[in-house]
Amino acid sequence: YKFRDLTIEELKNVNKTYPNFVFSMNTYTFKDGSQKDLLNFSGTIPVKYAGNSYNIPVCLWIMDSHPFAPPICFLKPTANMGISVGKHVDARGRIYLPYLQSWSHPQSTVIGLIKEMIAKFEEELPLYSLSSSDAARQSELLSYIAKITEGETNRKAKGKIGGDKDGCFNKITVIGAGDLGMACVLAITAKGAADKVVLLDLSEGAAKGGTMDLEIFSLPNVEISKDFSASANSKVVVLTVNSLGNAQTYLDVIQSNVELFRGIIPAISHYSQNSVLLVASHPVEIMTYVSWKLSAFPKSRVVGVGGNLDTERFQYILTHLLKAEVLGKDAWIVGEQGEEKVPSWTICNSAARQIETVAARNLREKVANRALEVLKGKGQRSWSVGLSVADMADSILKDKKKVHSVSTLAKGCYNINSEVFLSLPCILGTHGVIEMMKLEEDPIVLEKLQSSAASIHDLQQQLKL
């Protein structure tokens, strides 16, 4: 367990409040067939319904990234009990609650989870008594449910039921079913970038964020889920979520996003340990840094969308609108998103650039300024960002080794000594950033990069991570 002391302390509190729970270590089998030894506890929780008192048997599995990832919860019905499938319980007895979806340490605790479980079950009782004949017919199903909740289901059994070949696919998970998340799903699907796309909808209530329309007009190879385990074995995970809290200051907004990511990143890291995290949430530089810290992934596998869209537009404007094809070839938008972004060029044509006349340099600056003026009139709509994300995901999944301007760890570059993420031209491949391209030594660009790094670092120092 990564956070052993925190986990032990919390489970001591559970044992004090619910002494009937029995703790044990067992092997849990995930949807993709992977297995892990996890701590779990089972027992009964008291529920009052229609004037009667019931003891509802449950089993909770504690993830190895606890308390930053929520437990996996099941009902554990006896032979004379049937499962009442509803909005909080599925046919296997898996328990789904808003508390689990919005899990965020330290506000979320197992005690709090059990209290919500009791409250929801008092609104809708999850189990009912079976007649003797029903109980007999139920026995085979119960044995299968028992295997799931005790972690004994194996790959062969899954194969017979219908199989789960996620490990063989180029799979992308998009987290967040808002406008940007939907745009990413549609763009990735249209581009044919992945064999399977999972849209993880974290919103409360049914059919929020337009997912109902995706279900109505079902797209091939697109799955909508509220369960983090559906993301298992993704090669790319796209983060589009932003907190919608009532924050008062810019720092409060960022901190609210940090709390949101605290409940997401550890779970995603667990289910897709070899994935590339592609961050599109705002502010992208800081949220990419937060994703890197919370996931403990190598820096190469945590990438922000950064200046990729602006760069593609900038190159297009130079090449097609201003007819400056030579300038457009190695041009990039670098630094941080927004007003602080700055145009730069890589040193691919450095030999030619070294003999540029003052007039030629002035012309380049004038053309770049004209391109930036055109660029200012182009807002970043959800669908345009979605197209940019799809292009980057395609480069990663297909190992294209294409250069993109992405948010990457800039420490050690351009006299930047702090851990900050800035947009810089990088070659993307299967494992994320393969190599960073070198920029021309332009004093104005270096000053902008260092200024952005300082302001971003200052904000990060004020966050509670």
Protein backbone atom coordinates (compact mmCIF):
# COMPACT_ATOMS: atom_id res chain seq x y z
CA TYR A 1 0.00 0.00 0.00
CA LYS A 2 1.41 3.35 -1.11
CA PHE A 3 -0.05 5.25 1.86
CA ARG A 4 0.06 2.51 4.49
CA ASP A 5 -0.12 4.67 7.63
CA LEU A 6 -3.11 6.68 6.36
CA THR A 7 -4.90 3.47 5.38
CA ILE A 8 -4.28 1.77 8.74
CA GLU A 9 -5.43 4.84 10.67
CA GLU A 10 -8.68 5.04 8.73
CA LEU A 11 -9.45 1.33 9.04
CA LYS A 12 -8.90 1.53 12.80
CA ASN A 13 -11.72 4.09 12.87
CA VAL A 14 -13.91 1.76 10.80
CA ASN A 15 -13.25 -1.09 13.24
CA LYS A 16 -14.25 1.11 16.20
CA THR A 17 -17.52 2.18 14.58
CA TYR A 18 -18.41 -1.19 12.99
CA PRO A 19 -16.75 -3.91 15.12
CA ASN A 20 -18.68 -6.67 13.27
CA PHE A 21 -16.62 -6.18 10.08
CA VAL A 22 -14.12 -8.95 9.31
CA PHE A 23 -10.84 -7.88 7.64
CA SER A 24 -8.79 -10.07 5.30
CA MET A 25 -6.37 -10.01 2.34
CA ASN A 26 -7.56 -11.64 -0.89
CA THR A 27 -6.85 -11.53 -4.59
CA TYR A 28 -9.15 -9.19 -6.50
CA THR A 29 -9.65 -9.69 -10.24
CA PHE A 30 -10.40 -6.61 -12.31
CA LYS A 31 -12.51 -6.43 -15.47
CA ASP A 32 -9.45 -6.82 -17.69
CA GLY A 33 -8.42 -10.03 -15.93
CA SER A 34 -5.49 -8.45 -14.04
CA GLN A 35 -5.22 -9.42 -10.39
CA LYS A 36 -3.98 -7.77 -7.22
CA ASP A 37 -3.85 -8.72 -3.55
CA LEU A 38 -6.02 -6.20 -1.72
CA LEU A 39 -7.28 -5.64 1.79
CA ASN A 40 -11.04 -6.07 2.12
CA PHE A 41 -13.61 -6.21 4.86
CA SER A 42 -17.13 -7.61 5.01
CA GLY A 43 -19.99 -7.39 7.45
CA THR A 44 -23.46 -5.93 7.80
CA ILE A 45 -24.69 -2.35 7.95
CA PRO A 46 -27.95 -1.40 9.74
CA VAL A 47 -30.69 -0.10 7.46
CA LYS A 48 -34.23 0.99 8.38
CA TYR A 49 -36.87 0.66 5.67
CA ALA A 50 -40.66 0.93 5.86
CA GLY A 51 -40.58 0.72 9.66
CA ASN A 52 -38.42 -2.42 9.72
CA SER A 53 -34.71 -2.89 10.51
CA TYR A 54 -32.41 -4.86 8.22
CA ASN A 55 -28.77 -5.90 8.33
CA ILE A 56 -27.45 -5.50 4.78
CA PRO A 57 -24.30 -7.59 4.07
CA VAL A 58 -21.58 -5.71 2.18
CA CYS A 59 -17.96 -6.20 1.15
CA LEU A 60 -15.54 -3.29 0.56
CA TRP A 61 -12.20 -3.68 -1.25
CA ILE A 62 -9.53 -1.13 -0.32
CA MET A 63 -7.40 0.00 -3.27
CA ASP A 64 -3.62 0.07 -2.87
CA SER A 65 -3.68 3.84 -3.53
CA HIS A 66 -6.16 4.41 -0.68
CA PRO A 67 -7.16 6.97 0.62
CA PHE A 68 -6.70 8.77 -2.72
CA ALA A 69 -8.79 6.20 -4.62
CA PRO A 70 -12.27 5.07 -3.49
CA PRO A 71 -13.00 1.50 -2.36
CA ILE A 72 -14.76 -0.99 -4.65
CA CYS A 73 -18.03 -1.94 -3.00
CA PHE A 74 -20.33 -4.96 -3.36
CA LEU A 75 -23.41 -6.37 -1.72
CA LYS A 76 -22.79 -9.84 -0.32
CA PRO A 77 -26.25 -11.46 -0.33
CA THR A 78 -26.90 -14.78 1.39
CA ALA A 79 -28.63 -17.69 -0.39
CA ASN A 80 -32.12 -16.49 0.60
CA MET A 81 -31.57 -12.92 -0.66
CA GLY A 82 -32.15 -11.44 -4.10
CA ILE A 83 -30.57 -8.26 -5.49
CA SER A 84 -32.90 -5.37 -6.28
CA VAL A 85 -31.22 -3.76 -9.28
CA GLY A 86 -31.57 0.03 -9.05
CA LYS A 87 -29.74 3.30 -9.53
CA HIS A 88 -27.20 2.39 -6.84
CA VAL A 89 -26.79 -1.37 -7.40
CA ASP A 90 -26.24 -3.47 -10.54
CA ALA A 91 -27.13 -7.12 -11.17
CA ARG A 92 -23.76 -8.33 -9.83
CA GLY A 93 -24.26 -6.46 -6.57
CA ARG A 94 -21.70 -3.74 -7.40
CA ILE A 95 -22.56 -0.58 -5.46
CA TYR A 96 -22.48 2.85 -7.13
CA LEU A 97 -22.89 6.02 -5.07
CA PRO A 98 -22.33 9.76 -5.66
CA TYR A 99 -19.89 9.62 -2.73
CA LEU A 100 -17.69 7.20 -4.68
CA GLN A 101 -17.81 9.29 -7.86
CA SER A 102 -16.75 12.48 -6.05
CA TRP A 103 -14.23 10.76 -3.75
CA SER A 104 -11.51 13.18 -2.64
CA HIS A 105 -9.09 12.75 0.26
CA PRO A 106 -9.17 13.98 3.02
CA GLN A 107 -12.84 15.01 2.82
CA SER A 108 -13.91 11.48 1.79
CA THR A 109 -13.60 8.64 4.30
CA VAL A 110 -14.78 5.03 4.54
CA ILE A 111 -16.98 5.98 7.51
CA GLY A 112 -18.58 8.72 5.40
CA LEU A 113 -19.04 6.25 2.54
CA ILE A 114 -20.81 3.73 4.78
CA LYS A 115 -23.07 6.48 6.15
CA GLU A 116 -24.10 7.45 2.61
CA MET A 117 -24.57 3.77 1.76
CA ILE A 118 -26.99 3.43 4.69
CA ALA A 119 -28.84 6.61 3.69
CA LYS A 120 -29.25 5.52 0.04
CA PHE A 121 -30.30 1.98 1.01
CA GLU A 122 -32.95 3.43 3.34
CA GLU A 123 -34.40 5.19 0.28
CA GLU A 124 -34.21 2.08 -1.91
CA LEU A 125 -33.64 -1.29 -0.24
CA PRO A 126 -31.01 -3.20 -2.30
CA LEU A 127 -32.02 -6.73 -1.28
CA TYR A 128 -35.23 -8.74 -0.89
CA SER A 129 -36.14 -12.15 0.56
CA LEU A 130 -36.43 -15.07 -1.85
CA SER A 131 -38.90 -17.93 -1.65
CA SER A 132 -37.33 -21.38 -1.28
CA SER A 133 -37.75 -22.11 -5.02
CA ASP A 134 -36.28 -18.74 -5.98
CA ALA A 135 -33.40 -19.32 -3.61
CA ALA A 136 -32.60 -22.60 -5.31
CA ARG A 137 -32.58 -20.98 -8.75
CA GLN A 138 -30.43 -18.17 -7.35
CA SER A 139 -27.66 -20.41 -6.00
CA GLU A 140 -25.67 -20.62 -9.25
CA LEU A 141 -25.79 -16.84 -9.75
CA LEU A 142 -24.73 -16.29 -6.14
CA SER A 143 -21.69 -18.51 -6.57
CA TYR A 144 -20.58 -16.37 -9.50
CA ILE A 145 -21.19 -13.14 -7.57
CA ALA A 146 -19.21 -14.59 -4.67
CA LYS A 147 -16.27 -15.22 -7.00
CA ILE A 148 -16.40 -11.61 -8.17
CA THR A 149 -16.58 -10.14 -4.69
CA GLU A 150 -13.84 -12.46 -3.41
CA GLY A 151 -11.63 -11.80 -6.41
CA GLU A 152 -11.60 -15.36 -7.78
CA THR A 153 -12.89 -14.82 -11.34
CA ASN A 154 -10.20 -15.82 -13.83
CA ARG A 155 -9.41 -14.97 -17.44
CA LYS A 156 -10.85 -18.23 -18.79
CA ALA A 157 -14.22 -17.57 -17.21
CA LYS A 158 -14.26 -14.08 -18.71
CA GLY A 159 -13.41 -15.51 -22.11
CA LYS A 160 -16.37 -17.88 -21.99
CA ILE A 161 -18.77 -15.15 -20.96
CA GLY A 162 -17.81 -12.94 -23.89
CA GLY A 163 -14.23 -11.97 -23.43
CA ASP A 164 -12.45 -8.78 -22.69
CA LYS A 165 -9.69 -8.10 -25.16
CA ASP A 166 -8.95 -4.53 -24.12
CA GLY A 167 -5.28 -5.39 -23.75
CA CYS A 168 -5.06 -6.08 -27.50
CA PHE A 169 -6.59 -2.76 -28.52
CA ASN A 170 -5.46 0.80 -28.95
CA LYS A 171 -7.79 2.08 -26.26
CA ILE A 172 -8.36 5.70 -25.22
CA THR A 173 -10.31 6.85 -22.18
CA VAL A 174 -11.70 10.38 -22.12
CA ILE A 175 -12.53 11.60 -18.61
CA GLY A 176 -15.34 14.14 -18.43
CA ALA A 177 -18.59 14.21 -20.44
CA GLY A 178 -18.84 17.97 -20.85
CA ASP A 179 -18.59 19.75 -24.19
CA LEU A 180 -14.83 19.23 -24.45
CA GLY A 181 -15.00 15.56 -23.48
CA MET A 182 -17.72 14.93 -26.05
CA ALA A 183 -15.74 16.82 -28.69
CA CYS A 184 -12.67 14.68 -27.97
CA VAL A 185 -14.65 11.45 -28.28
CA LEU A 186 -16.20 12.51 -31.60
CA ALA A 187 -12.87 13.77 -33.01
CA ILE A 188 -10.95 10.64 -31.94
CA THR A 189 -13.68 8.45 -33.45
CA ALA A 190 -13.80 10.43 -36.70
CA LYS A 191 -10.01 10.29 -37.05
CA GLY A 192 -9.96 6.53 -36.42
CA ALA A 193 -7.23 7.08 -33.85
CA ALA A 194 -8.29 4.23 -31.53
CA ASP A 195 -9.95 0.82 -31.66
CA LYS A 196 -12.00 1.64 -28.57
CA VAL A 197 -12.95 4.89 -26.83
CA VAL A 198 -14.31 4.95 -23.28
CA LEU A 199 -16.09 8.11 -22.12
CA LEU A 200 -15.93 8.24 -18.34
CA ASP A 201 -18.88 10.38 -17.20
CA LEU A 202 -18.29 11.65 -13.67
CA SER A 203 -21.40 13.84 -13.55
CA GLU A 204 -24.17 13.02 -11.08
CA GLY A 205 -27.57 12.06 -12.42
CA ALA A 206 -28.53 10.45 -15.69
CA ALA A 207 -27.77 11.65 -19.21
CA LYS A 208 -25.81 14.74 -18.22
CA GLY A 209 -23.22 16.18 -20.58
CA GLY A 210 -24.98 14.85 -23.68
CA THR A 211 -24.11 11.20 -23.03
CA MET A 212 -27.76 10.30 -23.60
CA ASP A 213 -27.37 11.33 -27.25
CA LEU A 214 -24.29 9.13 -27.61
CA GLU A 215 -26.31 6.24 -26.22
CA ILE A 216 -29.25 6.94 -28.55
CA PHE A 217 -27.09 7.16 -31.68
CA SER A 218 -24.66 4.51 -30.48
CA LEU A 219 -21.26 4.95 -32.11
CA PRO A 220 -19.24 1.84 -32.86
CA ASN A 221 -16.39 1.20 -30.40
CA VAL A 222 -17.55 3.93 -27.97
CA GLU A 223 -18.44 2.92 -24.41
CA ILE A 224 -19.95 5.25 -21.80
CA SER A 225 -19.30 4.41 -18.16
CA LYS A 226 -19.26 5.86 -14.65
CA ASP A 227 -16.91 3.13 -13.43
CA PHE A 228 -13.15 3.82 -13.34
CA SER A 229 -12.47 0.13 -14.01
CA ALA A 230 -13.87 0.62 -17.55
CA SER A 231 -10.69 2.59 -18.31
CA ALA A 232 -8.44 -0.42 -17.62
CA ASN A 233 -5.51 -0.89 -20.02
CA SER A 234 -6.00 2.43 -21.82
CA LYS A 235 -2.94 3.51 -23.77
CA VAL A 236 -3.96 7.17 -23.63
CA VAL A 237 -6.12 8.85 -20.97
CA VAL A 238 -7.46 12.31 -21.89
CA LEU A 239 -8.43 14.57 -18.96
CA THR A 240 -11.03 17.21 -19.83
CA VAL A 241 -12.71 17.77 -16.44
CA ASN A 242 -12.82 21.12 -14.66
CA SER A 243 -14.38 21.90 -11.29
CA LEU A 244 -17.65 23.82 -11.40
CA GLY A 245 -17.46 24.93 -7.77
CA ASN A 246 -18.25 28.42 -6.47
CA ALA A 247 -14.62 29.47 -6.06
CA GLN A 248 -14.01 33.18 -5.41
CA THR A 249 -10.43 33.65 -6.61
CA TYR A 250 -8.29 32.22 -9.42
CA LEU A 251 -6.25 30.32 -6.82
CA ASP A 252 -9.49 28.87 -5.38
CA VAL A 253 -10.49 27.71 -8.87
CA ILE A 254 -7.17 25.92 -9.33
CA GLN A 255 -7.33 24.39 -5.84
CA SER A 256 -10.84 23.14 -6.61
CA ASN A 257 -9.46 21.45 -9.74
CA VAL A 258 -6.66 19.91 -7.68
CA GLU A 259 -9.23 18.38 -5.32
CA LEU A 260 -11.12 17.02 -8.33
CA PHE A 261 -7.95 15.47 -9.77
CA ARG A 262 -7.06 13.99 -6.38
CA GLY A 263 -10.07 11.71 -6.73
CA ILE A 264 -9.33 10.81 -10.36
CA ILE A 265 -5.60 10.45 -11.06
CA PRO A 266 -4.75 7.69 -8.52
CA ALA A 267 -7.63 5.53 -9.78
CA ILE A 268 -6.69 6.07 -13.44
CA SER A 269 -3.01 5.37 -12.67
CA HIS A 270 -4.04 2.12 -11.03
CA TYR A 271 -6.16 0.83 -13.91
CA SER A 272 -3.83 2.01 -16.73
CA GLN A 273 -0.35 1.94 -15.25
CA ASN A 274 1.42 2.24 -18.62
CA SER A 275 -0.78 4.91 -20.18
CA VAL A 276 0.11 8.38 -21.41
CA LEU A 277 -1.89 11.07 -19.58
CA LEU A 278 -3.00 13.80 -22.00
CA VAL A 279 -4.23 16.81 -19.99
CA ALA A 280 -6.70 19.28 -21.52
CA SER A 281 -8.10 20.70 -18.26
CA HIS A 282 -7.42 24.33 -17.28
CA PRO A 283 -5.03 25.84 -16.45
CA VAL A 284 -3.26 23.22 -18.52
CA GLU A 285 0.30 23.90 -17.30
CA ILE A 286 -0.62 23.54 -13.63
CA MET A 287 -3.06 20.64 -14.09
CA THR A 288 -0.41 18.74 -16.07
CA TYR A 289 1.99 19.30 -13.16
CA VAL A 290 -0.70 18.10 -10.70
CA SER A 291 -1.34 14.99 -12.85
CA TRP A 292 2.38 14.23 -12.90
CA LYS A 293 2.68 14.56 -9.12
CA LEU A 294 -0.45 12.53 -8.28
CA SER A 295 0.26 9.75 -10.80
CA ALA A 296 3.99 9.36 -10.07
CA PHE A 297 4.35 8.59 -13.81
CA PRO A 298 7.60 9.42 -15.63
CA LYS A 299 7.58 12.99 -16.96
CA SER A 300 7.55 11.68 -20.55
CA ARG A 301 4.12 10.08 -20.01
CA VAL A 302 2.34 13.17 -18.67
CA VAL A 303 1.63 15.67 -21.44
CA GLY A 304 -0.53 18.79 -21.62
CA VAL A 305 -2.28 19.97 -24.79
CA GLY A 306 -0.41 23.26 -24.35
CA GLY A 307 0.16 25.25 -27.52
CA ASN A 308 -0.59 22.44 -29.98
CA LEU A 309 -3.76 23.99 -31.43
CA ASP A 310 -2.25 27.49 -31.58
CA THR A 311 0.86 26.10 -33.27
CA GLU A 312 -1.12 24.26 -35.94
CA ARG A 313 -3.09 27.43 -36.63
CA PHE A 314 0.04 29.60 -36.59
CA GLN A 315 1.81 27.35 -39.10
CA TYR A 316 -1.29 27.28 -41.32
CA ILE A 317 -1.63 31.09 -41.27
CA LEU A 318 2.05 31.57 -42.16
CA THR A 319 2.03 28.97 -44.91
CA HIS A 320 -1.40 29.38 -46.53
CA LEU A 321 -2.64 32.88 -45.70
CA LEU A 322 0.62 34.85 -45.64
CA LYS A 323 2.38 32.60 -48.17
CA ALA A 324 5.48 32.36 -45.95
CA GLU A 325 5.99 28.61 -46.31
CA VAL A 326 9.66 28.69 -45.32
CA LEU A 327 8.83 30.49 -42.07
CA GLY A 328 5.86 28.22 -41.30
CA LYS A 329 7.84 25.00 -41.50
CA ASP A 330 9.69 25.30 -38.18
CA ALA A 331 7.43 27.78 -36.38
CA TRP A 332 5.95 27.06 -32.95
CA ILE A 333 3.85 28.68 -30.25
CA VAL A 334 5.61 28.06 -26.94
CA GLY A 335 5.38 29.01 -23.26
CA GLU A 336 2.03 29.10 -21.47
CA GLN A 337 -1.46 29.24 -22.88
CA GLY A 338 -3.15 32.61 -23.17
CA GLU A 339 -1.65 36.06 -23.54
CA GLU A 340 1.82 34.93 -22.43
CA LYS A 341 2.36 32.59 -25.40
CA VAL A 342 5.17 33.49 -27.76
CA PRO A 343 6.20 32.46 -31.31
CA SER A 344 9.53 30.76 -31.80
CA TRP A 345 11.46 28.67 -34.31
CA THR A 346 13.39 25.44 -33.94
CA ILE A 347 17.01 25.37 -35.10
CA CYS A 348 16.43 22.87 -37.93
CA ASN A 349 17.51 25.52 -40.46
CA SER A 350 20.04 27.17 -38.19
CA ALA A 351 22.79 27.35 -40.83
CA ALA A 352 20.56 29.41 -43.11
CA ARG A 353 19.27 31.48 -40.20
CA GLN A 354 22.78 32.41 -39.03
CA ILE A 355 23.41 34.36 -42.26
CA GLU A 356 20.02 36.09 -42.24
CA THR A 357 20.29 39.80 -42.78
CA VAL A 358 18.80 42.30 -40.37
CA ALA A 359 16.16 43.04 -43.01
CA ALA A 360 15.26 39.36 -43.26
CA ARG A 361 14.92 39.09 -39.48
CA ASN A 362 12.75 42.18 -39.38
CA LEU A 363 10.56 40.70 -42.11
CA ARG A 364 10.22 37.45 -40.16
CA GLU A 365 9.18 39.37 -37.05
CA LYS A 366 6.67 41.44 -39.03
CA VAL A 367 5.11 38.34 -40.64
CA ALA A 368 4.98 36.55 -37.26
CA ASN A 369 3.20 39.56 -35.71
CA ARG A 370 0.65 39.56 -38.54
CA ALA A 371 0.07 35.84 -38.01
CA LEU A 372 -0.45 36.40 -34.27
CA GLU A 373 -3.00 39.12 -35.00
CA VAL A 374 -4.96 36.67 -37.16
CA LEU A 375 -4.56 34.01 -34.47
CA LYS A 376 -6.07 36.29 -31.82
CA GLY A 377 -9.38 36.24 -33.68
CA LYS A 378 -9.63 32.47 -33.43
CA GLY A 379 -11.28 31.31 -30.20
CA GLN A 380 -10.53 27.85 -28.85
CA ARG A 381 -13.90 26.17 -29.13
CA SER A 382 -14.46 22.70 -27.70
CA TRP A 383 -14.60 21.03 -31.10
CA SER A 384 -11.35 22.67 -32.25
CA VAL A 385 -9.54 21.56 -29.07
CA GLY A 386 -11.06 18.11 -29.59
CA LEU A 387 -9.53 17.92 -33.07
CA SER A 388 -6.15 18.93 -31.64
CA VAL A 389 -6.40 16.29 -28.90
CA ALA A 390 -7.32 13.62 -31.47
CA ASP A 391 -4.27 14.51 -33.56
CA MET A 392 -1.95 14.23 -30.55
CA ALA A 393 -3.53 10.94 -29.45
CA ASP A 394 -3.10 9.61 -32.97
CA SER A 395 0.62 10.49 -32.90
CA ILE A 396 1.02 8.65 -29.58
CA LEU A 397 -0.98 5.52 -30.41
CA LYS A 398 0.52 5.08 -33.87
CA ASP A 399 4.04 6.04 -32.76
CA LYS A 400 4.20 8.65 -35.52
CA LYS A 401 7.10 10.56 -33.96
CA LYS A 402 5.45 13.79 -35.07
CA VAL A 403 6.49 17.10 -33.47
CA HIS A 404 3.82 18.86 -31.38
CA SER A 405 4.03 21.90 -29.11
CA VAL A 406 2.95 20.33 -25.81
CA SER A 407 3.12 21.12 -22.10
CA THR A 408 6.14 19.18 -20.84
CA LEU A 409 8.43 19.42 -17.81
CA ALA A 410 10.71 22.37 -18.58
CA LYS A 411 13.08 22.08 -15.61
CA GLY A 412 16.68 22.14 -16.80
CA CYS A 413 15.84 23.89 -20.07
CA TYR A 414 16.39 27.56 -20.91
CA ASN A 415 17.71 28.33 -17.41
CA ILE A 416 14.46 27.15 -15.78
CA ASN A 417 15.22 25.49 -12.43
CA SER A 418 11.70 24.88 -11.08
CA GLU A 419 9.33 21.97 -11.74
CA VAL A 420 6.93 23.62 -14.17
CA PHE A 421 5.29 22.49 -17.39
CA LEU A 422 5.51 24.75 -20.45
CA SER A 423 4.67 24.29 -24.13
CA LEU A 424 7.75 23.29 -26.09
CA PRO A 425 8.11 21.42 -29.40
CA CYS A 426 8.42 17.70 -28.63
CA ILE A 427 8.43 14.49 -30.64
CA LEU A 428 5.50 12.28 -29.53
CA GLY A 429 5.42 8.50 -29.73
CA THR A 430 4.07 5.43 -27.97
CA HIS A 431 5.56 6.38 -24.61
CA GLY A 432 4.71 10.07 -24.78
CA VAL A 433 7.51 12.60 -25.19
CA ILE A 434 10.47 10.99 -26.95
CA GLU A 435 12.62 14.07 -27.46
CA MET A 436 12.42 17.84 -27.02
CA MET A 437 13.38 19.96 -30.03
CA LYS A 438 15.79 22.86 -29.50
CA LEU A 439 14.61 26.42 -30.03
CA GLU A 440 16.64 29.26 -31.47
CA GLU A 441 18.31 31.37 -28.80
CA ASP A 442 16.06 34.39 -28.98
CA PRO A 443 16.40 36.64 -25.88
CA ILE A 444 12.73 37.68 -26.08
CA VAL A 445 11.55 34.05 -26.14
CA LEU A 446 13.89 33.05 -23.29
CA GLU A 447 12.67 35.96 -21.18
CA LYS A 448 9.03 35.00 -21.81
CA LEU A 449 9.66 31.35 -20.91
CA GLN A 450 11.46 32.25 -17.69
CA SER A 451 8.77 34.77 -16.72
CA SER A 452 6.00 32.21 -17.31
CA ALA A 453 7.93 29.58 -15.34
CA ALA A 454 8.30 31.96 -12.39
CA SER A 455 4.59 32.90 -12.26
CA ILE A 456 3.42 29.30 -12.67
CA HIS A 457 5.83 28.09 -9.97
CA ASP A 458 4.57 30.80 -7.62
CA LEU A 459 0.97 29.60 -8.08
CA GLN A 460 1.98 25.96 -7.59
CA GLN A 461 3.70 26.83 -4.30
CA GLN A 462 0.37 28.15 -2.97
CA LEU A 463 -1.56 24.96 -3.81
CA LYS A 464 -2.29 22.21 -1.29
CA LEU A 465 -1.13 19.03 -2.99
